[in-house]
Amino acid sequence: MLPIAAIGLEQVRLPVRDRLHAVEGELRDMVPSGFEALDEVGDYLFERSGKLLRPTLLLLCDGIAGRPSVDAVKLGAIVELLHVATLVHDDAVDHSARRRGRPTVNHRWTHQVAIIAGDYLYSRAVIEVSALGKLELVSILARTANRMTVGEMRQLVLHDRLDFTRDDYEDLCEYKTASLMSAACELGTLSGAAAHRGAARAYGHHLGMAFQIVDDLLDYTSSTEVMGKHPGQDLQEHKVTLPLIAALPKMEWSERRAVETLFADPSPSAGAVREIVDLVEARGGVDSAREEARSRAGRARDQLDGLPPGPCLEALRAAVDYVVERVR
């Protein structure tokens, strides 16, 4: 296996690389609506290949037992449709201007267009999974979409609140992020590796929790080039994430007042944001969140014990390293 520092997404994808190309082909076939204005948005969203992490996990779990299923490629595309739909809606709710270094749909067009485009992708995913004729697949995807919607509402209700607890944060991560990764892994086992369904579902859950914590950490530790957005943007948008939650109890009164002042300002300055980023790090928030991400990663790895050895299993192990080592 490659040293941890050298593991990238390409190493994770290697056992299913050809099938991922097929997923991209399925996406190109699924997205067109026949209506020019909507297809323009679809072309924009899918003109670049995304990371396809969730389809990758699905295909790797599908290959664990060495019996890849005929439905897995289409399921991978369906999961990616659902994922992109959530991003489009998330950006519209947050009024975000950029994602992955590009203007968001709501910024390039309008919020109305973003909501309609997200709805279209959701409904397209339902049509495609229904066409497979297996009610259990529909049930898993529908339940997951429902949980992600509840997660979005959780985030909206808890936005701007410094009494946002660690439990609140974990629930939000589970609903918004971990639920889809867990579903992707579970779906991958249904045809040829059903005996490993529970382990795959739990692996995806813990990996998804680690993934979200790392994403939130990167807002405190990374550069614009890596994130595709300015560091501190979560604080700029008054989002309370684990680094801040962990740091707040360790702050002095004057330091907490500085945080409250930033959250009371609808447009805090870059300097004010930088001050709180530095304060959160100084009070151990970054280290605490990093430790939690690694704990979740360890729990994900534990779920792989006892699964059939082979390239897909090694890639699932590498996926854990890929996720957490972004914030070394």
Protein backbone atom coordinates (compact mmCIF):
# COMPACT_ATOMS: atom_id res chain seq x y z
CA MET A 1 0.00 0.00 0.00
CA LEU A 2 1.16 3.57 -0.65
CA PRO A 3 2.32 5.65 2.29
CA ILE A 4 -0.58 7.54 3.85
CA ALA A 5 0.73 10.92 2.75
CA ALA A 6 0.72 9.78 -0.89
CA ILE A 7 -2.84 8.45 -0.96
CA GLY A 8 -5.12 10.40 -3.26
CA LEU A 9 -8.50 9.85 -4.80
CA GLU A 10 -6.98 8.19 -7.86
CA GLN A 11 -5.60 5.38 -5.69
CA VAL A 12 -9.04 4.90 -4.14
CA ARG A 13 -10.69 4.78 -7.57
CA LEU A 14 -8.20 2.40 -9.14
CA PRO A 15 -10.12 -0.91 -8.78
CA VAL A 16 -13.30 0.65 -10.26
CA ARG A 17 -11.83 3.24 -12.63
CA ASP A 18 -13.41 1.78 -15.77
CA ARG A 19 -16.80 1.47 -14.09
CA LEU A 20 -16.58 5.11 -12.98
CA HIS A 21 -16.22 6.11 -16.64
CA ALA A 22 -19.45 4.20 -17.21
CA VAL A 23 -21.06 6.13 -14.33
CA GLU A 24 -20.16 9.38 -16.10
CA GLY A 25 -21.78 8.05 -19.27
CA GLU A 26 -24.94 7.20 -17.33
CA LEU A 27 -25.02 10.71 -15.88
CA ARG A 28 -24.81 12.26 -19.34
CA ASP A 29 -27.78 10.14 -20.38
CA MET A 30 -29.83 10.87 -17.26
CA VAL A 31 -29.49 14.63 -16.89
CA PRO A 32 -31.04 16.03 -20.13
CA SER A 33 -34.66 17.16 -19.71
CA GLY A 34 -35.48 18.18 -23.26
CA PHE A 35 -36.06 21.76 -22.10
CA GLU A 36 -33.28 24.10 -23.14
CA ALA A 37 -33.23 26.41 -20.12
CA LEU A 38 -33.00 23.48 -17.69
CA ASP A 39 -30.49 21.60 -19.83
CA GLU A 40 -28.21 24.64 -19.81
CA VAL A 41 -27.99 24.34 -16.02
CA GLY A 42 -27.48 20.58 -16.24
CA ASP A 43 -24.67 21.01 -18.74
CA TYR A 44 -23.02 23.51 -16.40
CA LEU A 45 -23.28 21.23 -13.39
CA PHE A 46 -21.90 18.15 -15.12
CA GLU A 47 -19.51 19.62 -17.69
CA ARG A 48 -16.66 18.82 -15.30
CA SER A 49 -16.26 15.47 -13.64
CA GLY A 50 -16.74 15.77 -9.91
CA LYS A 51 -14.85 13.68 -7.40
CA LEU A 52 -17.50 10.95 -7.68
CA LEU A 53 -16.57 9.81 -4.18
CA ARG A 54 -20.00 8.38 -3.38
CA PRO A 55 -20.26 6.37 -6.62
CA THR A 56 -16.70 5.18 -5.99
CA LEU A 57 -17.65 3.89 -2.54
CA LEU A 58 -20.75 2.22 -3.96
CA LEU A 59 -18.77 0.42 -6.66
CA LEU A 60 -16.05 -0.64 -4.22
CA CYS A 61 -18.65 -2.13 -1.86
CA ASP A 62 -20.29 -3.80 -4.85
CA GLY A 63 -16.96 -5.43 -5.68
CA ILE A 64 -16.07 -6.65 -2.19
CA ALA A 65 -17.22 -10.22 -2.80
CA GLY A 66 -15.86 -10.33 -6.35
CA ARG A 67 -19.30 -10.44 -7.99
CA PRO A 68 -19.98 -6.95 -9.42
CA SER A 69 -23.67 -6.39 -10.18
CA VAL A 70 -25.18 -5.09 -13.40
CA ASP A 71 -27.13 -2.39 -11.52
CA ALA A 72 -24.20 -0.85 -9.67
CA VAL A 73 -23.09 1.58 -12.39
CA LYS A 74 -26.59 3.02 -12.75
CA LEU A 75 -26.96 3.19 -8.97
CA GLY A 76 -23.67 5.08 -8.79
CA ALA A 77 -25.02 7.67 -11.23
CA ILE A 78 -28.28 7.93 -9.28
CA VAL A 79 -26.42 8.54 -6.02
CA GLU A 80 -24.37 11.26 -7.72
CA LEU A 81 -27.56 12.90 -9.05
CA LEU A 82 -28.92 12.98 -5.53
CA HIS A 83 -25.65 14.38 -4.17
CA VAL A 84 -25.48 17.19 -6.73
CA ALA A 85 -29.14 18.05 -6.09
CA THR A 86 -28.35 18.56 -2.40
CA LEU A 87 -25.39 20.81 -3.25
CA VAL A 88 -27.51 22.99 -5.54
CA HIS A 89 -30.18 23.40 -2.87
CA ASP A 90 -27.59 23.89 -0.13
CA ASP A 91 -25.95 26.74 -2.04
CA ALA A 92 -29.32 28.38 -2.64
CA VAL A 93 -30.29 28.15 1.04
CA ASP A 94 -26.90 29.54 2.13
CA HIS A 95 -26.77 32.18 -0.63
CA SER A 96 -23.31 30.84 -1.44
CA ALA A 97 -21.60 32.42 -4.43
CA ARG A 98 -18.97 29.79 -5.20
CA ARG A 99 -18.46 26.04 -5.01
CA ARG A 100 -15.38 24.13 -6.19
CA GLY A 101 -13.94 27.42 -7.43
CA ARG A 102 -16.91 28.20 -9.73
CA PRO A 103 -20.05 30.34 -9.42
CA THR A 104 -22.96 28.45 -7.90
CA VAL A 105 -26.19 27.95 -9.84
CA ASN A 106 -28.01 30.50 -7.68
CA HIS A 107 -25.23 33.04 -8.29
CA ARG A 108 -24.88 32.45 -12.03
CA TRP A 109 -28.64 32.29 -12.61
CA THR A 110 -31.15 32.89 -9.79
CA HIS A 111 -32.30 31.23 -6.59
CA GLN A 112 -35.50 30.20 -8.37
CA VAL A 113 -33.48 28.42 -11.06
CA ALA A 114 -31.37 26.69 -8.40
CA ILE A 115 -34.43 25.34 -6.57
CA ILE A 116 -36.00 24.11 -9.81
CA ALA A 117 -32.73 22.51 -10.97
CA GLY A 118 -32.26 20.76 -7.64
CA ASP A 119 -35.85 19.51 -7.72
CA TYR A 120 -35.32 18.22 -11.23
CA LEU A 121 -32.23 16.25 -10.23
CA TYR A 122 -34.02 14.80 -7.19
CA SER A 123 -37.00 13.69 -9.26
CA ARG A 124 -34.75 12.37 -12.02
CA ALA A 125 -32.99 10.20 -9.44
CA VAL A 126 -36.37 8.83 -8.32
CA ILE A 127 -37.35 8.03 -11.91
CA GLU A 128 -34.08 6.23 -12.58
CA VAL A 129 -34.06 4.16 -9.39
CA SER A 130 -37.72 3.23 -9.91
CA ALA A 131 -36.89 1.97 -13.39
CA LEU A 132 -34.65 -0.68 -11.82
CA GLY A 133 -37.82 -2.29 -10.50
CA LYS A 134 -36.53 -3.04 -6.99
CA LEU A 135 -38.59 -1.50 -4.19
CA GLU A 136 -35.80 -1.85 -1.63
CA LEU A 137 -33.54 0.42 -3.68
CA VAL A 138 -36.30 3.03 -3.93
CA SER A 139 -36.89 2.80 -0.18
CA ILE A 140 -33.22 3.37 0.70
CA LEU A 141 -32.85 6.34 -1.64
CA ALA A 142 -36.15 7.93 -0.60
CA ARG A 143 -35.34 7.57 3.09
CA THR A 144 -31.90 9.07 2.51
CA ALA A 145 -33.26 12.03 0.54
CA ASN A 146 -35.74 12.64 3.34
CA ARG A 147 -33.01 12.60 5.98
CA MET A 148 -30.86 15.03 3.99
CA THR A 149 -33.82 17.40 3.72
CA VAL A 150 -34.34 17.23 7.49
CA GLY A 151 -30.61 17.92 7.85
CA GLU A 152 -30.89 21.03 5.70
CA MET A 153 -33.74 22.29 7.88
CA ARG A 154 -31.71 21.53 11.01
CA GLN A 155 -28.90 23.68 9.67
CA LEU A 156 -31.27 26.51 8.80
CA VAL A 157 -32.94 26.52 12.21
CA LEU A 158 -29.64 26.33 14.10
CA HIS A 159 -27.88 28.89 11.88
CA ASP A 160 -26.27 31.79 13.74
CA ARG A 161 -26.69 30.20 17.19
CA LEU A 162 -23.73 29.93 19.52
CA ASP A 163 -25.67 27.53 21.77
CA PHE A 164 -25.32 24.95 18.97
CA THR A 165 -24.13 21.86 20.86
CA ARG A 166 -21.86 19.01 19.92
CA ASP A 167 -24.91 16.72 19.80
CA ASP A 168 -26.64 19.18 17.45
CA TYR A 169 -23.56 19.16 15.25
CA GLU A 170 -23.34 15.36 15.15
CA ASP A 171 -27.02 15.09 14.21
CA LEU A 172 -26.50 17.62 11.44
CA CYS A 173 -23.48 15.75 10.05
CA GLU A 174 -25.34 12.45 10.19
CA TYR A 175 -28.38 13.75 8.34
CA LYS A 176 -26.68 16.00 5.78
CA THR A 177 -23.54 14.05 4.88
CA ALA A 178 -23.16 10.64 6.50
CA SER A 179 -26.63 9.43 5.48
CA LEU A 180 -25.81 9.51 1.76
CA MET A 181 -22.37 7.93 2.14
CA SER A 182 -23.89 5.21 4.29
CA ALA A 183 -26.65 4.62 1.73
CA ALA A 184 -24.13 4.49 -1.14
CA CYS A 185 -22.10 1.81 0.65
CA GLU A 186 -25.20 -0.17 1.60
CA LEU A 187 -26.58 -0.03 -1.95
CA GLY A 188 -23.28 -1.37 -3.23
CA THR A 189 -23.66 -4.58 -1.26
CA LEU A 190 -27.26 -5.47 -2.12
CA SER A 191 -26.66 -7.58 -5.22
CA GLY A 192 -23.41 -9.45 -4.76
CA ALA A 193 -22.28 -8.84 -1.18
CA ALA A 194 -25.47 -8.77 0.91
CA ALA A 195 -23.78 -10.57 3.80
CA HIS A 196 -21.65 -7.46 4.32
CA ARG A 197 -24.54 -4.98 4.17
CA GLY A 198 -24.45 -3.95 7.83
CA ALA A 199 -20.69 -3.46 7.89
CA ALA A 200 -20.80 -1.41 4.69
CA ARG A 201 -23.62 0.77 6.01
CA ALA A 202 -21.75 1.45 9.27
CA TYR A 203 -18.47 2.07 7.40
CA GLY A 204 -20.19 4.67 5.22
CA HIS A 205 -21.75 6.33 8.25
CA HIS A 206 -18.48 6.79 10.13
CA LEU A 207 -16.62 7.77 6.96
CA GLY A 208 -19.29 10.36 6.21
CA MET A 209 -19.02 11.80 9.72
CA ALA A 210 -15.23 12.03 9.35
CA PHE A 211 -15.63 13.59 5.90
CA GLN A 212 -17.87 16.39 7.17
CA ILE A 213 -15.68 17.13 10.18
CA VAL A 214 -12.65 17.35 7.88
CA ASP A 215 -14.52 19.65 5.49
CA ASP A 216 -15.33 21.94 8.41
CA LEU A 217 -11.72 21.78 9.60
CA LEU A 218 -10.44 22.78 6.18
CA ASP A 219 -12.34 26.05 6.50
CA TYR A 220 -9.99 26.85 9.38
CA THR A 221 -6.76 25.35 8.05
CA SER A 222 -6.73 25.39 4.25
CA SER A 223 -6.09 27.83 1.43
CA THR A 224 -8.38 29.24 -1.22
CA GLU A 225 -6.63 27.08 -3.84
CA VAL A 226 -7.50 23.88 -1.97
CA MET A 227 -11.04 24.79 -0.91
CA GLY A 228 -12.25 26.77 -3.91
CA LYS A 229 -13.49 29.38 -1.43
CA HIS A 230 -11.91 31.76 1.07
CA PRO A 231 -10.81 30.25 4.40
CA GLY A 232 -13.11 31.34 7.20
CA GLN A 233 -16.15 31.39 4.93
CA ASP A 234 -18.16 29.33 7.39
CA LEU A 235 -17.56 31.98 10.05
CA GLN A 236 -18.30 34.69 7.49
CA GLU A 237 -21.68 33.00 6.97
CA HIS A 238 -22.18 32.49 10.74
CA LYS A 239 -21.98 28.69 10.57
CA VAL A 240 -21.12 26.98 13.82
CA THR A 241 -19.00 23.88 13.23
CA LEU A 242 -17.03 21.52 15.46
CA PRO A 243 -13.79 23.57 15.76
CA LEU A 244 -15.75 26.52 17.16
CA ILE A 245 -17.99 24.32 19.34
CA ALA A 246 -14.90 22.69 20.87
CA ALA A 247 -13.11 26.01 21.43
CA LEU A 248 -15.94 28.07 22.94
CA PRO A 249 -15.91 26.50 26.45
CA LYS A 250 -12.18 27.24 26.72
CA MET A 251 -12.47 30.93 25.81
CA GLU A 252 -12.20 33.79 28.24
CA TRP A 253 -15.13 36.19 28.55
CA SER A 254 -13.55 38.80 26.27
CA GLU A 255 -12.78 36.18 23.63
CA ARG A 256 -16.34 34.88 23.62
CA ARG A 257 -17.55 38.46 23.27
CA ALA A 258 -15.38 38.77 20.16
CA VAL A 259 -17.11 35.72 18.69
CA GLU A 260 -20.53 37.10 19.60
CA THR A 261 -19.64 40.42 17.97
CA LEU A 262 -18.66 38.65 14.75
CA PHE A 263 -21.91 36.66 14.73
CA ALA A 264 -23.90 39.87 15.30
CA ASP A 265 -22.29 41.49 12.26
CA PRO A 266 -24.11 40.59 9.01
CA SER A 267 -20.93 41.28 7.00
CA PRO A 268 -17.87 40.73 9.19
CA SER A 269 -14.55 41.91 7.81
CA ALA A 270 -11.82 39.55 6.68
CA GLY A 271 -9.72 40.76 9.60
CA ALA A 272 -12.46 39.97 12.11
CA VAL A 273 -12.89 36.50 10.64
CA ARG A 274 -9.13 35.89 10.73
CA GLU A 275 -9.04 36.89 14.39
CA ILE A 276 -11.65 34.27 15.29
CA VAL A 277 -9.97 31.61 13.13
CA ASP A 278 -6.74 32.20 15.06
CA LEU A 279 -8.59 32.25 18.38
CA VAL A 280 -10.33 28.92 17.68
CA GLU A 281 -6.98 27.33 16.86
CA ALA A 282 -5.32 28.81 19.95
CA ARG A 283 -8.08 27.45 22.19
CA GLY A 284 -7.68 23.92 20.82
CA GLY A 285 -10.75 23.78 18.61
CA VAL A 286 -8.86 22.67 15.53
CA ASP A 287 -6.94 19.95 17.40
CA SER A 288 -10.13 18.70 19.06
CA ALA A 289 -11.98 18.46 15.75
CA ARG A 290 -9.00 16.75 14.11
CA GLU A 291 -8.98 14.18 16.92
CA GLU A 292 -12.69 13.51 16.43
CA ALA A 293 -12.22 13.08 12.67
CA ARG A 294 -9.50 10.52 13.29
CA SER A 295 -11.67 8.72 15.85
CA ARG A 296 -14.47 8.44 13.30
CA ALA A 297 -11.97 7.24 10.73
CA GLY A 298 -10.83 4.51 13.10
CA ARG A 299 -14.42 3.39 13.59
CA ALA A 300 -14.86 3.26 9.81
CA ARG A 301 -11.74 1.11 9.46
CA ASP A 302 -12.99 -1.24 12.16
CA GLN A 303 -16.05 -2.06 10.05
CA LEU A 304 -13.78 -3.45 7.34
CA ASP A 305 -12.29 -6.13 9.57
CA GLY A 306 -13.38 -9.57 8.42
CA LEU A 307 -14.48 -8.50 4.93
CA PRO A 308 -13.12 -10.49 1.97
CA PRO A 309 -9.57 -9.38 1.11
CA GLY A 310 -8.85 -7.91 -2.29
CA PRO A 311 -8.34 -4.66 -4.21
CA CYS A 312 -11.77 -3.28 -3.32
CA LEU A 313 -11.22 -3.77 0.39
CA GLU A 314 -7.78 -2.13 0.20
CA ALA A 315 -9.31 0.80 -1.67
CA LEU A 316 -11.97 1.21 1.02
CA ARG A 317 -9.17 1.37 3.59
CA ALA A 318 -7.38 3.92 1.42
CA ALA A 319 -10.59 5.98 1.22
CA VAL A 320 -10.44 6.47 4.99
CA ASP A 321 -6.87 7.75 4.74
CA TYR A 322 -7.79 9.97 1.81
CA VAL A 323 -10.58 11.59 3.80
CA VAL A 324 -8.77 12.27 7.06
CA GLU A 325 -5.27 13.04 5.84
CA ARG A 326 -6.44 16.19 4.05
CA VAL A 327 -5.89 18.02 7.35
CA ARG A 328 -2.56 16.62 8.41
